[in-house]
Amino acid sequence: MRLPIQYALSYPQRWPNSELPRLDWNKIHSLNFEPVDYDKFPCLKLALDAGKSGGTYPAVLCAADEVAVELFLDRIISFTDIAKIVQKTLEQHQNVVQPSLEEVLAADRWAREFAINWRPE
């Protein structure tokens, strides 16, 4: 997340980042894309489903993911627990189809509280 945050903070310029060299498009001759393996990338499937469902699901997904990633970075959970937390949070959420701003913010708060208290079975 550091690179996307850096990009957001430095827009429209780009601050140098010695950890990531600039991509030289002149050296790239082709790009190959393969079907997504949702077993390897379960959070992508969760994100696509939340986006398709709409309502408060996208806010809940983002909040749960932020909490889960923070727990992982703090070495409280394993990497694979990130997807489990996000999935369980989405499963327990009662979607509001056409939410007001207050309902989106309430869903965000609820998801953060649920995710921070989740523990693997």
PDB file of N, CA and C in Angstrom:
ATOM      1  N   MET A   1       0.820  -1.206   0.000  1.00  0.00           N
ATOM      2  CA  MET A   1       0.000   0.000   0.000  1.00  0.00           C
ATOM      3  C   MET A   1       0.858   1.261   0.000  1.00  0.00           C
ATOM      4  N   ARG A   2       2.128   1.152   0.316  1.00  0.00           N
ATOM      5  CA  ARG A   2       2.957   2.359   0.385  1.00  0.00           C
ATOM      6  C   ARG A   2       3.070   3.049  -0.970  1.00  0.00           C
ATOM      7  N   LEU A   3       3.240   2.265  -2.036  1.00  0.00           N
ATOM      8  CA  LEU A   3       3.379   2.867  -3.358  1.00  0.00           C
ATOM      9  C   LEU A   3       2.092   3.578  -3.793  1.00  0.00           C
ATOM     10  N   PRO A   4       0.913   2.958  -3.678  1.00  0.00           N
ATOM     11  CA  PRO A   4      -0.306   3.691  -4.051  1.00  0.00           C
ATOM     12  C   PRO A   4      -0.514   4.946  -3.209  1.00  0.00           C
ATOM     13  N   ILE A   5      -0.176   4.883  -1.931  1.00  0.00           N
ATOM     14  CA  ILE A   5      -0.318   6.073  -1.084  1.00  0.00           C
ATOM     15  C   ILE A   5       0.666   7.143  -1.535  1.00  0.00           C
ATOM     16  N   GLN A   6       1.904   6.733  -1.836  1.00  0.00           N
ATOM     17  CA  GLN A   6       2.898   7.686  -2.328  1.00  0.00           C
ATOM     18  C   GLN A   6       2.399   8.341  -3.611  1.00  0.00           C
ATOM     19  N   TYR A   7       1.840   7.547  -4.518  1.00  0.00           N
ATOM     20  CA  TYR A   7       1.314   8.099  -5.764  1.00  0.00           C
ATOM     21  C   TYR A   7       0.201   9.108  -5.495  1.00  0.00           C
ATOM     22  N   ALA A   8      -0.674   8.768  -4.576  1.00  0.00           N
ATOM     23  CA  ALA A   8      -1.785   9.676  -4.263  1.00  0.00           C
ATOM     24  C   ALA A   8      -1.280  10.987  -3.674  1.00  0.00           C
ATOM     25  N   LEU A   9      -0.294  10.905  -2.795  1.00  0.00           N
ATOM     26  CA  LEU A   9       0.228  12.107  -2.147  1.00  0.00           C
ATOM     27  C   LEU A   9       1.039  12.983  -3.100  1.00  0.00           C
ATOM     28  N   SER A  10       1.652  12.373  -4.100  1.00  0.00           N
ATOM     29  CA  SER A  10       2.537  13.135  -4.983  1.00  0.00           C
ATOM     30  C   SER A  10       1.900  13.513  -6.318  1.00  0.00           C
ATOM     31  N   TYR A  11       0.647  13.170  -6.508  1.00  0.00           N
ATOM     32  CA  TYR A  11      -0.027  13.462  -7.777  1.00  0.00           C
ATOM     33  C   TYR A  11      -0.017  14.959  -8.050  1.00  0.00           C
ATOM     34  N   PRO A  12       0.219  15.441  -9.245  1.00  0.00           N
ATOM     35  CA  PRO A  12       0.424  14.695 -10.486  1.00  0.00           C
ATOM     36  C   PRO A  12       1.896  14.338 -10.735  1.00  0.00           C
ATOM     37  N   GLN A  13       2.812  14.811  -9.915  1.00  0.00           N
ATOM     38  CA  GLN A  13       4.204  14.410 -10.061  1.00  0.00           C
ATOM     39  C   GLN A  13       4.385  13.042  -9.413  1.00  0.00           C
ATOM     40  N   ARG A  14       5.545  12.485  -9.605  1.00  0.00           N
ATOM     41  CA  ARG A  14       5.866  11.209  -8.965  1.00  0.00           C
ATOM     42  C   ARG A  14       7.170  11.378  -8.216  1.00  0.00           C
ATOM     43  N   TRP A  15       7.157  11.100  -6.926  1.00  0.00           N
ATOM     44  CA  TRP A  15       8.382  11.144  -6.141  1.00  0.00           C
ATOM     45  C   TRP A  15       9.222   9.934  -6.502  1.00  0.00           C
ATOM     46  N   PRO A  16      10.545  10.077  -6.457  1.00  0.00           N
ATOM     47  CA  PRO A  16      11.391   8.917  -6.750  1.00  0.00           C
ATOM     48  C   PRO A  16      11.220   7.834  -5.687  1.00  0.00           C
ATOM     49  N   ASN A  17      11.330   6.601  -6.120  1.00  0.00           N
ATOM     50  CA  ASN A  17      11.230   5.470  -5.205  1.00  0.00           C
ATOM     51  C   ASN A  17      12.313   4.475  -5.601  1.00  0.00           C
ATOM     52  N   SER A  18      13.397   4.468  -4.832  1.00  0.00           N
ATOM     53  CA  SER A  18      14.540   3.622  -5.172  1.00  0.00           C
ATOM     54  C   SER A  18      14.238   2.131  -5.056  1.00  0.00           C
ATOM     55  N   GLU A  19      13.168   1.783  -4.354  1.00  0.00           N
ATOM     56  CA  GLU A  19      12.810   0.373  -4.211  1.00  0.00           C
ATOM     57  C   GLU A  19      12.181  -0.191  -5.481  1.00  0.00           C
ATOM     58  N   LEU A  20      11.638   0.674  -6.310  1.00  0.00           N
ATOM     59  CA  LEU A  20      10.988   0.230  -7.540  1.00  0.00           C
ATOM     60  C   LEU A  20      11.550   1.002  -8.723  1.00  0.00           C
ATOM     61  N   PRO A  21      12.290   0.322  -9.584  1.00  0.00           N
ATOM     62  CA  PRO A  21      12.818   1.019 -10.767  1.00  0.00           C
ATOM     63  C   PRO A  21      11.676   1.372 -11.721  1.00  0.00           C
ATOM     64  N   ARG A  22      11.889   2.426 -12.491  1.00  0.00           N
ATOM     65  CA  ARG A  22      10.882   2.812 -13.486  1.00  0.00           C
ATOM     66  C   ARG A  22      10.774   1.733 -14.556  1.00  0.00           C
ATOM     67  N   LEU A  23       9.573   1.536 -15.011  1.00  0.00           N
ATOM     68  CA  LEU A  23       9.310   0.556 -16.060  1.00  0.00           C
ATOM     69  C   LEU A  23       9.718   1.147 -17.404  1.00  0.00           C
ATOM     70  N   ASP A  24      10.539   0.427 -18.125  1.00  0.00           N
ATOM     71  CA  ASP A  24      10.982   0.869 -19.442  1.00  0.00           C
ATOM     72  C   ASP A  24      10.108   0.195 -20.495  1.00  0.00           C
ATOM     73  N   TRP A  25       9.122   0.928 -20.993  1.00  0.00           N
ATOM     74  CA  TRP A  25       8.169   0.379 -21.948  1.00  0.00           C
ATOM     75  C   TRP A  25       8.834   0.012 -23.275  1.00  0.00           C
ATOM     76  N   ASN A  26      10.000   0.576 -23.554  1.00  0.00           N
ATOM     77  CA  ASN A  26      10.710   0.234 -24.790  1.00  0.00           C
ATOM     78  C   ASN A  26      11.316  -1.167 -24.731  1.00  0.00           C
ATOM     79  N   LYS A  27      11.511  -1.695 -23.559  1.00  0.00           N
ATOM     80  CA  LYS A  27      12.091  -3.027 -23.404  1.00  0.00           C
ATOM     81  C   LYS A  27      11.030  -4.122 -23.303  1.00  0.00           C
ATOM     82  N   ILE A  28       9.790  -3.726 -23.144  1.00  0.00           N
ATOM     83  CA  ILE A  28       8.706  -4.705 -23.036  1.00  0.00           C
ATOM     84  C   ILE A  28       8.144  -4.960 -24.432  1.00  0.00           C
ATOM     85  N   HIS A  29       8.246  -6.200 -24.868  1.00  0.00           N
ATOM     86  CA  HIS A  29       7.795  -6.531 -26.217  1.00  0.00           C
ATOM     87  C   HIS A  29       6.402  -7.146 -26.230  1.00  0.00           C
ATOM     88  N   SER A  30       6.024  -7.746 -25.113  1.00  0.00           N
ATOM     89  CA  SER A  30       4.683  -8.326 -25.060  1.00  0.00           C
ATOM     90  C   SER A  30       4.277  -8.517 -23.601  1.00  0.00           C
ATOM     91  N   LEU A  31       2.995  -8.542 -23.396  1.00  0.00           N
ATOM     92  CA  LEU A  31       2.417  -8.842 -22.090  1.00  0.00           C
ATOM     93  C   LEU A  31       1.520 -10.054 -22.251  1.00  0.00           C
ATOM     94  N   ASN A  32       1.590 -10.972 -21.305  1.00  0.00           N
ATOM     95  CA  ASN A  32       0.763 -12.173 -21.357  1.00  0.00           C
ATOM     96  C   ASN A  32      -0.196 -12.178 -20.183  1.00  0.00           C
ATOM     97  N   PHE A  33      -1.455 -12.376 -20.469  1.00  0.00           N
ATOM     98  CA  PHE A  33      -2.470 -12.427 -19.433  1.00  0.00           C
ATOM     99  C   PHE A  33      -3.076 -13.820 -19.401  1.00  0.00           C
ATOM    100  N   GLU A  34      -3.296 -14.316 -18.209  1.00  0.00           N
ATOM    101  CA  GLU A  34      -3.893 -15.630 -18.025  1.00  0.00           C
ATOM    102  C   GLU A  34      -5.162 -15.478 -17.202  1.00  0.00           C
ATOM    103  N   PRO A  35      -6.040 -16.473 -17.270  1.00  0.00           N
ATOM    104  CA  PRO A  35      -7.243 -16.409 -16.434  1.00  0.00           C
ATOM    105  C   PRO A  35      -6.850 -16.309 -14.951  1.00  0.00           C
ATOM    106  N   VAL A  36      -7.659 -15.607 -14.213  1.00  0.00           N
ATOM    107  CA  VAL A  36      -7.385 -15.424 -12.787  1.00  0.00           C
ATOM    108  C   VAL A  36      -7.662 -16.723 -12.043  1.00  0.00           C
ATOM    109  N   ASP A  37      -6.754 -17.081 -11.168  1.00  0.00           N
ATOM    110  CA  ASP A  37      -6.931 -18.236 -10.294  1.00  0.00           C
ATOM    111  C   ASP A  37      -7.486 -17.722  -8.963  1.00  0.00           C
ATOM    112  N   TYR A  38      -8.804 -17.826  -8.803  1.00  0.00           N
ATOM    113  CA  TYR A  38      -9.452 -17.281  -7.607  1.00  0.00           C
ATOM    114  C   TYR A  38      -9.088 -18.049  -6.342  1.00  0.00           C
ATOM    115  N   ASP A  39      -8.587 -19.276  -6.494  1.00  0.00           N
ATOM    116  CA  ASP A  39      -8.108 -20.003  -5.320  1.00  0.00           C
ATOM    117  C   ASP A  39      -6.816 -19.380  -4.793  1.00  0.00           C
ATOM    118  N   LYS A  40      -5.995 -18.885  -5.686  1.00  0.00           N
ATOM    119  CA  LYS A  40      -4.757 -18.223  -5.276  1.00  0.00           C
ATOM    120  C   LYS A  40      -5.003 -16.792  -4.813  1.00  0.00           C
ATOM    121  N   PHE A  41      -6.037 -16.157  -5.357  1.00  0.00           N
ATOM    122  CA  PHE A  41      -6.336 -14.762  -5.079  1.00  0.00           C
ATOM    123  C   PHE A  41      -7.784 -14.606  -4.606  1.00  0.00           C
ATOM    124  N   PRO A  42      -8.111 -15.149  -3.435  1.00  0.00           N
ATOM    125  CA  PRO A  42      -9.502 -15.121  -2.980  1.00  0.00           C
ATOM    126  C   PRO A  42     -10.039 -13.716  -2.727  1.00  0.00           C
ATOM    127  N   CYS A  43      -9.173 -12.788  -2.366  1.00  0.00           N
ATOM    128  CA  CYS A  43      -9.654 -11.429  -2.109  1.00  0.00           C
ATOM    129  C   CYS A  43     -10.131 -10.742  -3.383  1.00  0.00           C
ATOM    130  N   LEU A  44      -9.582 -11.120  -4.527  1.00  0.00           N
ATOM    131  CA  LEU A  44     -10.047 -10.545  -5.779  1.00  0.00           C
ATOM    132  C   LEU A  44     -11.494 -10.938  -6.039  1.00  0.00           C
ATOM    133  N   LYS A  45     -11.817 -12.204  -5.809  1.00  0.00           N
ATOM    134  CA  LYS A  45     -13.202 -12.670  -5.984  1.00  0.00           C
ATOM    135  C   LYS A  45     -14.137 -11.944  -5.022  1.00  0.00           C
ATOM    136  N   LEU A  46     -13.686 -11.779  -3.769  1.00  0.00           N
ATOM    137  CA  LEU A  46     -14.500 -11.064  -2.787  1.00  0.00           C
ATOM    138  C   LEU A  46     -14.741  -9.623  -3.224  1.00  0.00           C
ATOM    139  N   ALA A  47     -13.703  -8.987  -3.764  1.00  0.00           N
ATOM    140  CA  ALA A  47     -13.840  -7.603  -4.210  1.00  0.00           C
ATOM    141  C   ALA A  47     -14.785  -7.490  -5.400  1.00  0.00           C
ATOM    142  N   LEU A  48     -14.653  -8.401  -6.351  1.00  0.00           N
ATOM    143  CA  LEU A  48     -15.547  -8.376  -7.511  1.00  0.00           C
ATOM    144  C   LEU A  48     -17.001  -8.586  -7.088  1.00  0.00           C
ATOM    145  N   ASP A  49     -17.220  -9.539  -6.193  1.00  0.00           N
ATOM    146  CA  ASP A  49     -18.581  -9.811  -5.719  1.00  0.00           C
ATOM    147  C   ASP A  49     -19.149  -8.623  -4.949  1.00  0.00           C
ATOM    148  N   ALA A  50     -18.320  -7.996  -4.116  1.00  0.00           N
ATOM    149  CA  ALA A  50     -18.787  -6.826  -3.352  1.00  0.00           C
ATOM    150  C   ALA A  50     -19.137  -5.688  -4.293  1.00  0.00           C
ATOM    151  N   GLY A  51     -18.325  -5.496  -5.310  1.00  0.00           N
ATOM    152  CA  GLY A  51     -18.608  -4.443  -6.282  1.00  0.00           C
ATOM    153  C   GLY A  51     -19.891  -4.699  -7.055  1.00  0.00           C
ATOM    154  N   LYS A  52     -20.105  -5.945  -7.441  1.00  0.00           N
ATOM    155  CA  LYS A  52     -21.334  -6.297  -8.172  1.00  0.00           C
ATOM    156  C   LYS A  52     -22.563  -6.161  -7.287  1.00  0.00           C
ATOM    157  N   SER A  53     -22.430  -6.509  -6.017  1.00  0.00           N
ATOM    158  CA  SER A  53     -23.562  -6.432  -5.093  1.00  0.00           C
ATOM    159  C   SER A  53     -23.882  -4.987  -4.727  1.00  0.00           C
ATOM    160  N   GLY A  54     -22.852  -4.158  -4.673  1.00  0.00           N
ATOM    161  CA  GLY A  54     -23.054  -2.744  -4.390  1.00  0.00           C
ATOM    162  C   GLY A  54     -23.511  -2.485  -2.963  1.00  0.00           C
ATOM    163  N   GLY A  55     -24.226  -1.403  -2.813  1.00  0.00           N
ATOM    164  CA  GLY A  55     -24.704  -1.015  -1.490  1.00  0.00           C
ATOM    165  C   GLY A  55     -23.546  -0.737  -0.546  1.00  0.00           C
ATOM    166  N   THR A  56     -23.642  -1.294   0.655  1.00  0.00           N
ATOM    167  CA  THR A  56     -22.590  -1.078   1.648  1.00  0.00           C
ATOM    168  C   THR A  56     -21.494  -2.137   1.585  1.00  0.00           C
ATOM    169  N   TYR A  57     -21.657  -3.152   0.725  1.00  0.00           N
ATOM    170  CA  TYR A  57     -20.643  -4.196   0.644  1.00  0.00           C
ATOM    171  C   TYR A  57     -19.242  -3.671   0.307  1.00  0.00           C
ATOM    172  N   PRO A  58     -19.076  -2.771  -0.672  1.00  0.00           N
ATOM    173  CA  PRO A  58     -17.722  -2.289  -0.951  1.00  0.00           C
ATOM    174  C   PRO A  58     -17.063  -1.589   0.240  1.00  0.00           C
ATOM    175  N   ALA A  59     -17.822  -0.819   0.995  1.00  0.00           N
ATOM    176  CA  ALA A  59     -17.269  -0.143   2.179  1.00  0.00           C
ATOM    177  C   ALA A  59     -16.857  -1.169   3.230  1.00  0.00           C
ATOM    178  N   VAL A  60     -17.663  -2.197   3.408  1.00  0.00           N
ATOM    179  CA  VAL A  60     -17.360  -3.250   4.376  1.00  0.00           C
ATOM    180  C   VAL A  60     -16.111  -4.013   3.934  1.00  0.00           C
ATOM    181  N   LEU A  61     -16.019  -4.329   2.648  1.00  0.00           N
ATOM    182  CA  LEU A  61     -14.843  -5.018   2.132  1.00  0.00           C
ATOM    183  C   LEU A  61     -13.582  -4.207   2.405  1.00  0.00           C
ATOM    184  N   CYS A  62     -13.595  -2.929   2.078  1.00  0.00           N
ATOM    185  CA  CYS A  62     -12.405  -2.088   2.272  1.00  0.00           C
ATOM    186  C   CYS A  62     -12.035  -1.975   3.737  1.00  0.00           C
ATOM    187  N   ALA A  63     -13.011  -1.774   4.599  1.00  0.00           N
ATOM    188  CA  ALA A  63     -12.732  -1.638   6.025  1.00  0.00           C
ATOM    189  C   ALA A  63     -12.158  -2.926   6.598  1.00  0.00           C
ATOM    190  N   ALA A  64     -12.771  -4.052   6.265  1.00  0.00           N
ATOM    191  CA  ALA A  64     -12.288  -5.340   6.771  1.00  0.00           C
ATOM    192  C   ALA A  64     -10.890  -5.632   6.247  1.00  0.00           C
ATOM    193  N   ASP A  65     -10.638  -5.309   4.992  1.00  0.00           N
ATOM    194  CA  ASP A  65      -9.323  -5.538   4.408  1.00  0.00           C
ATOM    195  C   ASP A  65      -8.270  -4.671   5.102  1.00  0.00           C
ATOM    196  N   GLU A  66      -8.581  -3.414   5.346  1.00  0.00           N
ATOM    197  CA  GLU A  66      -7.619  -2.536   6.017  1.00  0.00           C
ATOM    198  C   GLU A  66      -7.269  -3.066   7.402  1.00  0.00           C
ATOM    199  N   VAL A  67      -8.268  -3.506   8.141  1.00  0.00           N
ATOM    200  CA  VAL A  67      -8.026  -4.064   9.473  1.00  0.00           C
ATOM    201  C   VAL A  67      -7.201  -5.339   9.378  1.00  0.00           C
ATOM    202  N   ALA A  68      -7.581  -6.221   8.461  1.00  0.00           N
ATOM    203  CA  ALA A  68      -6.883  -7.497   8.329  1.00  0.00           C
ATOM    204  C   ALA A  68      -5.420  -7.301   7.921  1.00  0.00           C
ATOM    205  N   VAL A  69      -5.166  -6.408   6.989  1.00  0.00           N
ATOM    206  CA  VAL A  69      -3.788  -6.151   6.574  1.00  0.00           C
ATOM    207  C   VAL A  69      -2.982  -5.587   7.738  1.00  0.00           C
ATOM    208  N   GLU A  70      -3.575  -4.702   8.498  1.00  0.00           N
ATOM    209  CA  GLU A  70      -2.881  -4.152   9.671  1.00  0.00           C
ATOM    210  C   GLU A  70      -2.570  -5.251  10.690  1.00  0.00           C
ATOM    211  N   LEU A  71      -3.521  -6.151  10.914  1.00  0.00           N
ATOM    212  CA  LEU A  71      -3.275  -7.278  11.824  1.00  0.00           C
ATOM    213  C   LEU A  71      -2.144  -8.160  11.311  1.00  0.00           C
ATOM    214  N   PHE A  72      -2.108  -8.357   9.989  1.00  0.00           N
ATOM    215  CA  PHE A  72      -1.027  -9.146   9.402  1.00  0.00           C
ATOM    216  C   PHE A  72       0.315  -8.436   9.567  1.00  0.00           C
ATOM    217  N   LEU A  73       0.356  -7.144   9.272  1.00  0.00           N
ATOM    218  CA  LEU A  73       1.606  -6.400   9.390  1.00  0.00           C
ATOM    219  C   LEU A  73       2.103  -6.354  10.836  1.00  0.00           C
ATOM    220  N   ASP A  74       1.164  -6.391  11.770  1.00  0.00           N
ATOM    221  CA  ASP A  74       1.526  -6.421  13.194  1.00  0.00           C
ATOM    222  C   ASP A  74       1.829  -7.837  13.681  1.00  0.00           C
ATOM    223  N   ARG A  75       1.805  -8.804  12.753  1.00  0.00           N
ATOM    224  CA  ARG A  75       2.119 -10.215  13.027  1.00  0.00           C
ATOM    225  C   ARG A  75       1.139 -10.875  14.013  1.00  0.00           C
ATOM    226  N   ILE A  76      -0.101 -10.429  13.953  1.00  0.00           N
ATOM    227  CA  ILE A  76      -1.145 -10.999  14.812  1.00  0.00           C
ATOM    228  C   ILE A  76      -1.849 -12.147  14.095  1.00  0.00           C
ATOM    229  N   ILE A  77      -1.978 -12.029  12.780  1.00  0.00           N
ATOM    230  CA  ILE A  77      -2.613 -13.070  11.976  1.00  0.00           C
ATOM    231  C   ILE A  77      -1.670 -13.477  10.856  1.00  0.00           C
ATOM    232  N   SER A  78      -1.975 -14.612  10.214  1.00  0.00           N
ATOM    233  CA  SER A  78      -1.189 -15.048   9.069  1.00  0.00           C
ATOM    234  C   SER A  78      -1.710 -14.360   7.801  1.00  0.00           C
ATOM    235  N   PHE A  79      -0.916 -14.429   6.752  1.00  0.00           N
ATOM    236  CA  PHE A  79      -1.310 -13.821   5.489  1.00  0.00           C
ATOM    237  C   PHE A  79      -2.629 -14.396   4.983  1.00  0.00           C
ATOM    238  N   THR A  80      -2.791 -15.705   5.095  1.00  0.00           N
ATOM    239  CA  THR A  80      -4.015 -16.340   4.590  1.00  0.00           C
ATOM    240  C   THR A  80      -5.251 -15.979   5.406  1.00  0.00           C
ATOM    241  N   ASP A  81      -5.047 -15.481   6.613  1.00  0.00           N
ATOM    242  CA  ASP A  81      -6.186 -15.047   7.425  1.00  0.00           C
ATOM    243  C   ASP A  81      -6.814 -13.753   6.903  1.00  0.00           C
ATOM    244  N   ILE A  82      -6.083 -12.995   6.095  1.00  0.00           N
ATOM    245  CA  ILE A  82      -6.643 -11.750   5.553  1.00  0.00           C
ATOM    246  C   ILE A  82      -7.929 -12.051   4.793  1.00  0.00           C
ATOM    247  N   ALA A  83      -7.869 -12.982   3.860  1.00  0.00           N
ATOM    248  CA  ALA A  83      -9.058 -13.319   3.068  1.00  0.00           C
ATOM    249  C   ALA A  83     -10.159 -13.898   3.943  1.00  0.00           C
ATOM    250  N   LYS A  84      -9.784 -14.689   4.956  1.00  0.00           N
ATOM    251  CA  LYS A  84     -10.788 -15.275   5.848  1.00  0.00           C
ATOM    252  C   LYS A  84     -11.538 -14.187   6.618  1.00  0.00           C
ATOM    253  N   ILE A  85     -10.812 -13.190   7.098  1.00  0.00           N
ATOM    254  CA  ILE A  85     -11.448 -12.096   7.842  1.00  0.00           C
ATOM    255  C   ILE A  85     -12.384 -11.312   6.931  1.00  0.00           C
ATOM    256  N   VAL A  86     -11.901 -10.977   5.748  1.00  0.00           N
ATOM    257  CA  VAL A  86     -12.735 -10.203   4.817  1.00  0.00           C
ATOM    258  C   VAL A  86     -13.984 -10.995   4.447  1.00  0.00           C
ATOM    259  N   GLN A  87     -13.828 -12.272   4.132  1.00  0.00           N
ATOM    260  CA  GLN A  87     -14.976 -13.100   3.751  1.00  0.00           C
ATOM    261  C   GLN A  87     -15.986 -13.204   4.889  1.00  0.00           C
ATOM    262  N   LYS A  88     -15.518 -13.498   6.089  1.00  0.00           N
ATOM    263  CA  LYS A  88     -16.431 -13.658   7.224  1.00  0.00           C
ATOM    264  C   LYS A  88     -17.147 -12.342   7.527  1.00  0.00           C
ATOM    265  N   THR A  89     -16.440 -11.234   7.409  1.00  0.00           N
ATOM    266  CA  THR A  89     -17.058  -9.927   7.647  1.00  0.00           C
ATOM    267  C   THR A  89     -18.155  -9.664   6.623  1.00  0.00           C
ATOM    268  N   LEU A  90     -17.874  -9.951   5.357  1.00  0.00           N
ATOM    269  CA  LEU A  90     -18.894  -9.768   4.320  1.00  0.00           C
ATOM    270  C   LEU A  90     -20.090 -10.685   4.550  1.00  0.00           C
ATOM    271  N   GLU A  91     -19.823 -11.928   4.955  1.00  0.00           N
ATOM    272  CA  GLU A  91     -20.914 -12.883   5.191  1.00  0.00           C
ATOM    273  C   GLU A  91     -21.826 -12.433   6.331  1.00  0.00           C
ATOM    274  N   GLN A  92     -21.277 -11.799   7.326  1.00  0.00           N
ATOM    275  CA  GLN A  92     -22.061 -11.384   8.493  1.00  0.00           C
ATOM    276  C   GLN A  92     -22.742 -10.032   8.312  1.00  0.00           C
ATOM    277  N   HIS A  93     -22.382  -9.320   7.273  1.00  0.00           N
ATOM    278  CA  HIS A  93     -22.919  -7.973   7.053  1.00  0.00           C
ATOM    279  C   HIS A  93     -24.315  -8.007   6.448  1.00  0.00           C
ATOM    280  N   GLN A  94     -25.166  -7.141   6.933  1.00  0.00           N
ATOM    281  CA  GLN A  94     -26.501  -6.960   6.358  1.00  0.00           C
ATOM    282  C   GLN A  94     -26.433  -5.766   5.412  1.00  0.00           C
ATOM    283  N   ASN A  95     -26.425  -6.036   4.116  1.00  0.00           N
ATOM    284  CA  ASN A  95     -26.243  -4.995   3.110  1.00  0.00           C
ATOM    285  C   ASN A  95     -27.378  -3.987   3.101  1.00  0.00           C
ATOM    286  N   VAL A  96     -27.020  -2.730   2.914  1.00  0.00           N
ATOM    287  CA  VAL A  96     -27.981  -1.665   2.652  1.00  0.00           C
ATOM    288  C   VAL A  96     -27.807  -1.327   1.177  1.00  0.00           C
ATOM    289  N   VAL A  97     -28.845  -1.567   0.375  1.00  0.00           N
ATOM    290  CA  VAL A  97     -28.725  -1.503  -1.080  1.00  0.00           C
ATOM    291  C   VAL A  97     -28.483  -0.083  -1.583  1.00  0.00           C
ATOM    292  N   GLN A  98     -29.212   0.881  -1.087  1.00  0.00           N
ATOM    293  CA  GLN A  98     -29.026   2.274  -1.500  1.00  0.00           C
ATOM    294  C   GLN A  98     -28.735   3.106  -0.246  1.00  0.00           C
ATOM    295  N   PRO A  99     -27.503   3.017   0.248  1.00  0.00           N
ATOM    296  CA  PRO A  99     -27.189   3.634   1.531  1.00  0.00           C
ATOM    297  C   PRO A  99     -26.986   5.146   1.448  1.00  0.00           C
ATOM    298  N   SER A 100     -27.298   5.786   2.550  1.00  0.00           N
ATOM    299  CA  SER A 100     -26.932   7.193   2.716  1.00  0.00           C
ATOM    300  C   SER A 100     -25.471   7.233   3.154  1.00  0.00           C
ATOM    301  N   LEU A 101     -24.900   8.411   3.194  1.00  0.00           N
ATOM    302  CA  LEU A 101     -23.523   8.538   3.661  1.00  0.00           C
ATOM    303  C   LEU A 101     -23.390   8.025   5.087  1.00  0.00           C
ATOM    304  N   GLU A 102     -24.368   8.336   5.918  1.00  0.00           N
ATOM    305  CA  GLU A 102     -24.332   7.878   7.306  1.00  0.00           C
ATOM    306  C   GLU A 102     -24.346   6.349   7.392  1.00  0.00           C
ATOM    307  N   GLU A 103     -25.123   5.712   6.512  1.00  0.00           N
ATOM    308  CA  GLU A 103     -25.183   4.248   6.508  1.00  0.00           C
ATOM    309  C   GLU A 103     -23.869   3.631   6.013  1.00  0.00           C
ATOM    310  N   VAL A 104     -23.216   4.278   5.054  1.00  0.00           N
ATOM    311  CA  VAL A 104     -21.919   3.791   4.585  1.00  0.00           C
ATOM    312  C   VAL A 104     -20.897   3.898   5.717  1.00  0.00           C
ATOM    313  N   LEU A 105     -20.888   5.028   6.402  1.00  0.00           N
ATOM    314  CA  LEU A 105     -19.952   5.215   7.513  1.00  0.00           C
ATOM    315  C   LEU A 105     -20.246   4.249   8.658  1.00  0.00           C
ATOM    316  N   ALA A 106     -21.513   3.982   8.914  1.00  0.00           N
ATOM    317  CA  ALA A 106     -21.882   3.011   9.954  1.00  0.00           C
ATOM    318  C   ALA A 106     -21.429   1.606   9.559  1.00  0.00           C
ATOM    319  N   ALA A 107     -21.578   1.246   8.285  1.00  0.00           N
ATOM    320  CA  ALA A 107     -21.132  -0.064   7.807  1.00  0.00           C
ATOM    321  C   ALA A 107     -19.616  -0.177   7.940  1.00  0.00           C
ATOM    322  N   ASP A 108     -18.905   0.881   7.639  1.00  0.00           N
ATOM    323  CA  ASP A 108     -17.453   0.900   7.786  1.00  0.00           C
ATOM    324  C   ASP A 108     -17.058   0.671   9.249  1.00  0.00           C
ATOM    325  N   ARG A 109     -17.691   1.392  10.156  1.00  0.00           N
ATOM    326  CA  ARG A 109     -17.397   1.225  11.592  1.00  0.00           C
ATOM    327  C   ARG A 109     -17.715  -0.204  12.049  1.00  0.00           C
ATOM    328  N   TRP A 110     -18.863  -0.721  11.628  1.00  0.00           N
ATOM    329  CA  TRP A 110     -19.255  -2.079  12.012  1.00  0.00           C
ATOM    330  C   TRP A 110     -18.227  -3.091  11.511  1.00  0.00           C
ATOM    331  N   ALA A 111     -17.819  -2.959  10.241  1.00  0.00           N
ATOM    332  CA  ALA A 111     -16.876  -3.907   9.650  1.00  0.00           C
ATOM    333  C   ALA A 111     -15.535  -3.877  10.364  1.00  0.00           C
ATOM    334  N   ARG A 112     -15.062  -2.692  10.718  1.00  0.00           N
ATOM    335  CA  ARG A 112     -13.790  -2.579  11.432  1.00  0.00           C
ATOM    336  C   ARG A 112     -13.877  -3.265  12.791  1.00  0.00           C
ATOM    337  N   GLU A 113     -14.977  -3.050  13.475  1.00  0.00           N
ATOM    338  CA  GLU A 113     -15.158  -3.677  14.791  1.00  0.00           C
ATOM    339  C   GLU A 113     -15.256  -5.198  14.663  1.00  0.00           C
ATOM    340  N   PHE A 114     -16.018  -5.660  13.684  1.00  0.00           N
ATOM    341  CA  PHE A 114     -16.160  -7.105  13.473  1.00  0.00           C
ATOM    342  C   PHE A 114     -14.814  -7.722  13.121  1.00  0.00           C
ATOM    343  N   ALA A 115     -14.097  -7.110  12.186  1.00  0.00           N
ATOM    344  CA  ALA A 115     -12.832  -7.668  11.709  1.00  0.00           C
ATOM    345  C   ALA A 115     -11.766  -7.686  12.809  1.00  0.00           C
ATOM    346  N   ILE A 116     -11.707  -6.652  13.614  1.00  0.00           N
ATOM    347  CA  ILE A 116     -10.680  -6.589  14.656  1.00  0.00           C
ATOM    348  C   ILE A 116     -10.915  -7.653  15.720  1.00  0.00           C
ATOM    349  N   ASN A 117     -12.147  -8.076  15.878  1.00  0.00           N
ATOM    350  CA  ASN A 117     -12.478  -9.075  16.893  1.00  0.00           C
ATOM    351  C   ASN A 117     -12.542 -10.500  16.351  1.00  0.00           C
ATOM    352  N   TRP A 118     -12.390 -10.664  15.033  1.00  0.00           N
ATOM    353  CA  TRP A 118     -12.464 -11.999  14.432  1.00  0.00           C
ATOM    354  C   TRP A 118     -11.259 -12.826  14.835  1.00  0.00           C
ATOM    355  N   ARG A 119     -11.512 -14.062  15.109  1.00  0.00           N
ATOM    356  CA  ARG A 119     -10.433 -15.015  15.399  1.00  0.00           C
ATOM    357  C   ARG A 119     -10.741 -16.309  14.658  1.00  0.00           C
ATOM    358  N   PRO A 120      -9.708 -16.955  14.134  1.00  0.00           N
ATOM    359  CA  PRO A 120      -9.956 -18.196  13.385  1.00  0.00           C
ATOM    360  C   PRO A 120     -10.589 -19.270  14.257  1.00  0.00           C
ATOM    361  N   GLU A 121     -11.446 -20.069  13.616  1.00  0.00           N
ATOM    362  CA  GLU A 121     -12.106 -21.145  14.359  1.00  0.00           C
ATOM    363  C   GLU A 121     -11.143 -22.260  14.638  1.00  0.00           C
TER     364      GLU A 121
END
